[in-house]
């Protein structure tokens, strides 16, 4: 069972920007040497348009440039089990730059309360309960043998098969469900931002005898 993530949008004017860089050491697998990864962080302070509250958001390795005085829109998602919201989108309304964060969307989409492991456990528990109830009502008790022994054995054997089957079924249906949920999140961000806004520069056809391409500025 999946619970949709709650979407939130921050819109405001940038008052300050802090740029930092961190080096993270990643342990190597199977005896390989550890690797270092540089993470560039951008902490943006902004004054929200709704209420004028001051807040700040930190982005990692973003390709969108932000400076003081720019107007930005940030899409976020509040995911079950996480205290801080995950970042989904960043739009610089002053320059027209836009970026979606794949990691944030991945976390916002994986909101199942019960995954394949717990679903398989529930099916196995159902097998045990039905088997134990059958033995208690209809089977003759065997001296020295617990009535739930065989149901427990069957449930134990069925658990990995149920887990593999549920995981395979979820994998087949996840592509379509993830696409639908991604579309819902994007539509919700657009709605909360005041409507859809195309920030992709429009490219027109040749406008001169030399065949030059004219790149139009993004719509305001």
C-alpha atoms as a PDB file:
ATOM      1  CA  UNK A   1       0.000   0.000   0.000  1.00  0.00           C
ATOM      2  CA  UNK A   2       1.477   3.332  -1.044  1.00  0.00           C
ATOM      3  CA  UNK A   3       0.837   6.679   0.586  1.00  0.00           C
ATOM      4  CA  UNK A   4       1.369   9.625  -1.812  1.00  0.00           C
ATOM      5  CA  UNK A   5       4.013  12.087  -0.713  1.00  0.00           C
ATOM      6  CA  UNK A   6       2.802  15.565   0.223  1.00  0.00           C
ATOM      7  CA  UNK A   7       4.090  18.161  -2.241  1.00  0.00           C
ATOM      8  CA  UNK A   8       5.128  21.641  -1.185  1.00  0.00           C
ATOM      9  CA  UNK A   9       6.450  24.633  -3.139  1.00  0.00           C
ATOM     10  CA  UNK A  10       8.693  27.458  -1.956  1.00  0.00           C
ATOM     11  CA  UNK A  11       8.728  30.679  -3.959  1.00  0.00           C
ATOM     12  CA  UNK A  12      10.759  33.709  -3.045  1.00  0.00           C
ATOM     13  CA  UNK A  13      13.579  36.130  -3.713  1.00  0.00           C
ATOM     14  CA  UNK A  14      17.168  35.140  -2.994  1.00  0.00           C
ATOM     15  CA  UNK A  15      18.842  37.227  -0.303  1.00  0.00           C
ATOM     16  CA  UNK A  16      22.117  35.314   0.076  1.00  0.00           C
ATOM     17  CA  UNK A  17      23.986  32.360  -1.443  1.00  0.00           C
ATOM     18  CA  UNK A  18      26.705  30.239   0.194  1.00  0.00           C
ATOM     19  CA  UNK A  19      28.846  27.851  -1.890  1.00  0.00           C
ATOM     20  CA  UNK A  20      30.803  25.041  -0.242  1.00  0.00           C
ATOM     21  CA  UNK A  21      32.562  21.885  -1.382  1.00  0.00           C
ATOM     22  CA  UNK A  22      32.895  18.597   0.484  1.00  0.00           C
ATOM     23  CA  UNK A  23      34.883  15.440  -0.240  1.00  0.00           C
ATOM     24  CA  UNK A  24      33.130  12.179   0.587  1.00  0.00           C
ATOM     25  CA  UNK A  25      35.077   8.904   0.825  1.00  0.00           C
ATOM     26  CA  UNK A  26      33.212   5.892  -0.579  1.00  0.00           C
ATOM     27  CA  UNK A  27      34.368   2.474   0.605  1.00  0.00           C
ATOM     28  CA  UNK A  28      35.432   0.160  -2.205  1.00  0.00           C
ATOM     29  CA  UNK A  29      33.651  -3.145  -2.726  1.00  0.00           C
ATOM     30  CA  UNK A  30      35.429  -6.523  -2.577  1.00  0.00           C
ATOM     31  CA  UNK A  31      38.757  -5.209  -1.407  1.00  0.00           C
ATOM     32  CA  UNK A  32      38.964  -2.350  -3.880  1.00  0.00           C
ATOM     33  CA  UNK A  33      40.495   0.951  -2.928  1.00  0.00           C
ATOM     34  CA  UNK A  34      38.102   3.590  -1.586  1.00  0.00           C
ATOM     35  CA  UNK A  35      37.012   6.373  -3.897  1.00  0.00           C
ATOM     36  CA  UNK A  36      36.611  10.061  -3.181  1.00  0.00           C
ATOM     37  CA  UNK A  37      33.678  12.073  -4.447  1.00  0.00           C
ATOM     38  CA  UNK A  38      33.449  15.855  -4.457  1.00  0.00           C
ATOM     39  CA  UNK A  39      30.027  17.268  -3.572  1.00  0.00           C
ATOM     40  CA  UNK A  40      29.399  20.929  -4.372  1.00  0.00           C
ATOM     41  CA  UNK A  41      26.711  22.402  -2.152  1.00  0.00           C
ATOM     42  CA  UNK A  42      24.756  25.594  -2.645  1.00  0.00           C
ATOM     43  CA  UNK A  43      22.871  27.001   0.341  1.00  0.00           C
ATOM     44  CA  UNK A  44      20.268  29.512  -0.752  1.00  0.00           C
ATOM     45  CA  UNK A  45      18.608  31.960   1.627  1.00  0.00           C
ATOM     46  CA  UNK A  46      15.338  33.363   0.378  1.00  0.00           C
ATOM     47  CA  UNK A  47      12.432  35.465   1.501  1.00  0.00           C
ATOM     48  CA  UNK A  48       9.183  33.659   0.780  1.00  0.00           C
ATOM     49  CA  UNK A  49       6.544  35.539  -1.159  1.00  0.00           C
ATOM     50  CA  UNK A  50       3.804  34.080   1.002  1.00  0.00           C
ATOM     51  CA  UNK A  51       4.207  35.835   4.345  1.00  0.00           C
ATOM     52  CA  UNK A  52       7.752  37.096   3.856  1.00  0.00           C
ATOM     53  CA  UNK A  53       9.306  34.388   6.042  1.00  0.00           C
ATOM     54  CA  UNK A  54      13.061  33.843   5.769  1.00  0.00           C
ATOM     55  CA  UNK A  55      14.174  30.294   5.009  1.00  0.00           C
ATOM     56  CA  UNK A  56      17.080  28.452   3.441  1.00  0.00           C
ATOM     57  CA  UNK A  57      17.487  25.411   1.188  1.00  0.00           C
ATOM     58  CA  UNK A  58      20.663  23.450   0.423  1.00  0.00           C
ATOM     59  CA  UNK A  59      21.239  21.870  -3.005  1.00  0.00           C
ATOM     60  CA  UNK A  60      23.930  19.348  -3.925  1.00  0.00           C
ATOM     61  CA  UNK A  61      25.644  19.372  -7.330  1.00  0.00           C
ATOM     62  CA  UNK A  62      22.951  21.471  -8.947  1.00  0.00           C
ATOM     63  CA  UNK A  63      23.443  22.841 -12.455  1.00  0.00           C
ATOM     64  CA  UNK A  64      21.205  25.870 -11.864  1.00  0.00           C
ATOM     65  CA  UNK A  65      23.018  29.092 -11.057  1.00  0.00           C
ATOM     66  CA  UNK A  66      21.491  31.335  -8.405  1.00  0.00           C
ATOM     67  CA  UNK A  67      22.557  34.810  -7.288  1.00  0.00           C
ATOM     68  CA  UNK A  68      21.260  37.421  -4.912  1.00  0.00           C
ATOM     69  CA  UNK A  69      18.163  39.135  -6.237  1.00  0.00           C
ATOM     70  CA  UNK A  70      17.018  36.157  -8.333  1.00  0.00           C
ATOM     71  CA  UNK A  71      13.524  34.758  -7.933  1.00  0.00           C
ATOM     72  CA  UNK A  72      13.358  30.976  -7.526  1.00  0.00           C
ATOM     73  CA  UNK A  73      10.774  28.243  -7.102  1.00  0.00           C
ATOM     74  CA  UNK A  74      11.621  25.050  -5.195  1.00  0.00           C
ATOM     75  CA  UNK A  75       9.497  21.905  -5.344  1.00  0.00           C
ATOM     76  CA  UNK A  76       9.699  19.619  -2.314  1.00  0.00           C
ATOM     77  CA  UNK A  77       8.088  16.412  -1.057  1.00  0.00           C
ATOM     78  CA  UNK A  78       7.398  15.312   2.504  1.00  0.00           C
ATOM     79  CA  UNK A  79       8.002  11.562   2.592  1.00  0.00           C
ATOM     80  CA  UNK A  80       6.776   9.221   5.302  1.00  0.00           C
ATOM     81  CA  UNK A  81       9.600   8.325   7.679  1.00  0.00           C
ATOM     82  CA  UNK A  82      11.807  11.320   6.830  1.00  0.00           C
ATOM     83  CA  UNK A  83      11.903  14.448   8.966  1.00  0.00           C
ATOM     84  CA  UNK A  84      13.333  16.756   6.313  1.00  0.00           C
ATOM     85  CA  UNK A  85      11.621  17.182   2.913  1.00  0.00           C
ATOM     86  CA  UNK A  86      13.327  15.879  -0.222  1.00  0.00           C
ATOM     87  CA  UNK A  87      14.060  18.307  -3.049  1.00  0.00           C
ATOM     88  CA  UNK A  88      12.347  17.692  -6.378  1.00  0.00           C
ATOM     89  CA  UNK A  89      12.803  20.734  -8.626  1.00  0.00           C
ATOM     90  CA  UNK A  90      14.608  24.054  -8.750  1.00  0.00           C
ATOM     91  CA  UNK A  91      13.514  26.801 -11.146  1.00  0.00           C
ATOM     92  CA  UNK A  92      15.355  30.095 -11.451  1.00  0.00           C
ATOM     93  CA  UNK A  93      12.580  32.344 -12.684  1.00  0.00           C
ATOM     94  CA  UNK A  94      15.033  35.179 -13.373  1.00  0.00           C
ATOM     95  CA  UNK A  95      17.166  33.161 -15.824  1.00  0.00           C
ATOM     96  CA  UNK A  96      14.763  30.435 -16.951  1.00  0.00           C
ATOM     97  CA  UNK A  97      17.013  27.590 -15.751  1.00  0.00           C
ATOM     98  CA  UNK A  98      15.310  24.497 -14.425  1.00  0.00           C
ATOM     99  CA  UNK A  99      16.452  21.202 -12.901  1.00  0.00           C
ATOM    100  CA  UNK A 100      14.769  18.085 -11.565  1.00  0.00           C
ATOM    101  CA  UNK A 101      16.526  15.988  -8.925  1.00  0.00           C
ATOM    102  CA  UNK A 102      16.318  12.284  -9.755  1.00  0.00           C
ATOM    103  CA  UNK A 103      17.217  11.200  -6.224  1.00  0.00           C
ATOM    104  CA  UNK A 104      14.412  13.292  -4.775  1.00  0.00           C
ATOM    105  CA  UNK A 105      11.850  11.866  -7.191  1.00  0.00           C
ATOM    106  CA  UNK A 106      13.072   8.341  -6.405  1.00  0.00           C
ATOM    107  CA  UNK A 107      12.517   8.865  -2.688  1.00  0.00           C
ATOM    108  CA  UNK A 108       9.147  10.513  -3.244  1.00  0.00           C
ATOM    109  CA  UNK A 109       7.979   7.580  -5.369  1.00  0.00           C
ATOM    110  CA  UNK A 110       9.086   4.855  -2.923  1.00  0.00           C
ATOM    111  CA  UNK A 111       6.382   5.515  -0.351  1.00  0.00           C
ATOM    112  CA  UNK A 112       5.028   1.989   0.152  1.00  0.00           C
ATOM    113  CA  UNK A 113       4.076   1.198   3.725  1.00  0.00           C
ATOM    114  CA  UNK A 114       4.455  -2.544   3.110  1.00  0.00           C
ATOM    115  CA  UNK A 115       7.055  -3.673   0.597  1.00  0.00           C
ATOM    116  CA  UNK A 116       7.520  -7.155  -0.958  1.00  0.00           C
ATOM    117  CA  UNK A 117       9.159  -8.534   2.184  1.00  0.00           C
ATOM    118  CA  UNK A 118       6.238  -7.632   4.430  1.00  0.00           C
ATOM    119  CA  UNK A 119       3.666  -8.733   1.866  1.00  0.00           C
ATOM    120  CA  UNK A 120       5.398 -12.123   1.663  1.00  0.00           C
ATOM    121  CA  UNK A 121       5.433 -12.325   5.465  1.00  0.00           C
ATOM    122  CA  UNK A 122       1.692 -11.638   5.554  1.00  0.00           C
ATOM    123  CA  UNK A 123       0.959 -14.407   3.038  1.00  0.00           C
ATOM    124  CA  UNK A 124       3.154 -16.856   4.932  1.00  0.00           C
ATOM    125  CA  UNK A 125       1.449 -15.926   8.209  1.00  0.00           C
ATOM    126  CA  UNK A 126      -1.921 -16.562   6.552  1.00  0.00           C
ATOM    127  CA  UNK A 127      -0.747 -20.051   5.525  1.00  0.00           C
ATOM    128  CA  UNK A 128       0.338 -20.778   9.092  1.00  0.00           C
ATOM    129  CA  UNK A 129      -2.929 -19.525  10.590  1.00  0.00           C
ATOM    130  CA  UNK A 130      -5.138 -21.481   8.183  1.00  0.00           C
ATOM    131  CA  UNK A 131      -3.081 -24.653   8.664  1.00  0.00           C
ATOM    132  CA  UNK A 132      -3.090 -24.355  12.434  1.00  0.00           C
ATOM    133  CA  UNK A 133      -6.858 -23.691  12.476  1.00  0.00           C
ATOM    134  CA  UNK A 134      -7.490 -26.710  10.239  1.00  0.00           C
ATOM    135  CA  UNK A 135      -5.467 -28.978  12.516  1.00  0.00           C
ATOM    136  CA  UNK A 136      -7.194 -27.599  15.601  1.00  0.00           C
ATOM    137  CA  UNK A 137     -10.700 -28.174  14.197  1.00  0.00           C
ATOM    138  CA  UNK A 138     -10.510 -31.244  11.985  1.00  0.00           C
ATOM    139  CA  UNK A 139      -7.239 -33.137  12.430  1.00  0.00           C
ATOM    140  CA  UNK A 140      -6.576 -35.686  15.120  1.00  0.00           C
ATOM    141  CA  UNK A 141      -3.794 -34.530  17.448  1.00  0.00           C
ATOM    142  CA  UNK A 142      -0.545 -36.477  17.312  1.00  0.00           C
ATOM    143  CA  UNK A 143       0.956 -37.188  20.740  1.00  0.00           C
ATOM    144  CA  UNK A 144       4.059 -35.127  21.362  1.00  0.00           C
ATOM    145  CA  UNK A 145       3.630 -33.070  18.167  1.00  0.00           C
ATOM    146  CA  UNK A 146       2.552 -29.441  18.181  1.00  0.00           C
ATOM    147  CA  UNK A 147      -0.443 -28.778  15.953  1.00  0.00           C
ATOM    148  CA  UNK A 148       1.250 -25.792  14.358  1.00  0.00           C
ATOM    149  CA  UNK A 149       4.451 -27.634  13.400  1.00  0.00           C
ATOM    150  CA  UNK A 150       3.518 -28.521   9.817  1.00  0.00           C
ATOM    151  CA  UNK A 151       1.797 -25.175   9.090  1.00  0.00           C
ATOM    152  CA  UNK A 152       4.911 -23.404  10.379  1.00  0.00           C
ATOM    153  CA  UNK A 153       7.120 -25.561   8.168  1.00  0.00           C
ATOM    154  CA  UNK A 154       4.974 -24.833   5.095  1.00  0.00           C
ATOM    155  CA  UNK A 155       4.920 -21.104   5.857  1.00  0.00           C
ATOM    156  CA  UNK A 156       8.718 -21.115   6.243  1.00  0.00           C
ATOM    157  CA  UNK A 157       9.187 -22.788   2.847  1.00  0.00           C
ATOM    158  CA  UNK A 158       6.630 -20.551   1.126  1.00  0.00           C
ATOM    159  CA  UNK A 159       8.123 -17.281   2.387  1.00  0.00           C
ATOM    160  CA  UNK A 160      11.026 -16.957  -0.129  1.00  0.00           C
ATOM    161  CA  UNK A 161       8.750 -17.996  -3.001  1.00  0.00           C
ATOM    162  CA  UNK A 162       6.171 -15.381  -2.007  1.00  0.00           C
ATOM    163  CA  UNK A 163       8.903 -12.757  -1.641  1.00  0.00           C
ATOM    164  CA  UNK A 164      10.302 -13.439  -5.120  1.00  0.00           C
ATOM    165  CA  UNK A 165       6.829 -13.537  -6.671  1.00  0.00           C
ATOM    166  CA  UNK A 166       5.642 -10.292  -5.066  1.00  0.00           C
ATOM    167  CA  UNK A 167       8.912  -8.514  -5.930  1.00  0.00           C
ATOM    168  CA  UNK A 168       8.616  -9.621  -9.577  1.00  0.00           C
ATOM    169  CA  UNK A 169       4.985  -8.507  -9.775  1.00  0.00           C
ATOM    170  CA  UNK A 170       5.833  -5.142  -8.221  1.00  0.00           C
ATOM    171  CA  UNK A 171       8.665  -4.725 -10.704  1.00  0.00           C
ATOM    172  CA  UNK A 172       6.316  -5.308 -13.647  1.00  0.00           C
ATOM    173  CA  UNK A 173       3.758  -2.784 -12.419  1.00  0.00           C
ATOM    174  CA  UNK A 174       6.204  -0.219 -11.003  1.00  0.00           C
ATOM    175  CA  UNK A 175       7.155   1.371 -14.323  1.00  0.00           C
ATOM    176  CA  UNK A 176       3.581   2.362 -15.073  1.00  0.00           C
ATOM    177  CA  UNK A 177       2.772   3.376 -11.508  1.00  0.00           C
ATOM    178  CA  UNK A 178       5.987   5.393 -11.178  1.00  0.00           C
ATOM    179  CA  UNK A 179       5.277   7.214 -14.438  1.00  0.00           C
ATOM    180  CA  UNK A 180       1.761   8.075 -13.261  1.00  0.00           C
ATOM    181  CA  UNK A 181       3.011   9.252  -9.851  1.00  0.00           C
ATOM    182  CA  UNK A 182       5.780  11.323 -11.451  1.00  0.00           C
ATOM    183  CA  UNK A 183       3.196  13.028 -13.669  1.00  0.00           C
ATOM    184  CA  UNK A 184       1.032  13.698 -10.606  1.00  0.00           C
ATOM    185  CA  UNK A 185       3.937  15.253  -8.704  1.00  0.00           C
ATOM    186  CA  UNK A 186       4.882  17.488 -11.632  1.00  0.00           C
ATOM    187  CA  UNK A 187       1.266  18.590 -12.058  1.00  0.00           C
ATOM    188  CA  UNK A 188       0.981  19.340  -8.346  1.00  0.00           C
ATOM    189  CA  UNK A 189       4.184  21.410  -8.397  1.00  0.00           C
ATOM    190  CA  UNK A 190       2.875  23.334 -11.419  1.00  0.00           C
ATOM    191  CA  UNK A 191      -0.453  23.927  -9.687  1.00  0.00           C
ATOM    192  CA  UNK A 192       1.150  25.162  -6.469  1.00  0.00           C
ATOM    193  CA  UNK A 193       3.535  27.342  -8.476  1.00  0.00           C
ATOM    194  CA  UNK A 194       0.633  29.173 -10.065  1.00  0.00           C
ATOM    195  CA  UNK A 195       0.286  27.169 -13.265  1.00  0.00           C
ATOM    196  CA  UNK A 196       2.550  25.470 -15.796  1.00  0.00           C
ATOM    197  CA  UNK A 197       5.514  27.496 -16.970  1.00  0.00           C
ATOM    198  CA  UNK A 198       7.804  26.442 -19.799  1.00  0.00           C
ATOM    199  CA  UNK A 199      11.362  27.522 -19.061  1.00  0.00           C
ATOM    200  CA  UNK A 200      12.932  25.722 -22.016  1.00  0.00           C
ATOM    201  CA  UNK A 201      14.277  28.190 -24.624  1.00  0.00           C
ATOM    202  CA  UNK A 202      12.350  28.045 -27.884  1.00  0.00           C
ATOM    203  CA  UNK A 203      14.394  27.308 -31.005  1.00  0.00           C
ATOM    204  CA  UNK A 204      13.057  28.739 -34.251  1.00  0.00           C
ATOM    205  CA  UNK A 205      13.972  27.714 -37.788  1.00  0.00           C
ATOM    206  CA  UNK A 206      16.473  29.453 -40.058  1.00  0.00           C
ATOM    207  CA  UNK A 207      15.777  33.171 -40.153  1.00  0.00           C
ATOM    208  CA  UNK A 208      18.531  34.391 -42.440  1.00  0.00           C
ATOM    209  CA  UNK A 209      20.016  33.556 -45.782  1.00  0.00           C
ATOM    210  CA  UNK A 210      22.978  31.930 -44.072  1.00  0.00           C
ATOM    211  CA  UNK A 211      20.705  29.448 -42.315  1.00  0.00           C
ATOM    212  CA  UNK A 212      21.539  30.687 -38.830  1.00  0.00           C
ATOM    213  CA  UNK A 213      19.387  29.415 -35.988  1.00  0.00           C
ATOM    214  CA  UNK A 214      17.734  31.993 -33.743  1.00  0.00           C
ATOM    215  CA  UNK A 215      17.481  31.077 -30.076  1.00  0.00           C
ATOM    216  CA  UNK A 216      14.698  32.960 -28.401  1.00  0.00           C
ATOM    217  CA  UNK A 217      14.835  33.893 -24.710  1.00  0.00           C
ATOM    218  CA  UNK A 218      12.653  31.926 -22.294  1.00  0.00           C
ATOM    219  CA  UNK A 219       9.111  33.202 -21.797  1.00  0.00           C
ATOM    220  CA  UNK A 220       8.496  35.512 -18.876  1.00  0.00           C
END
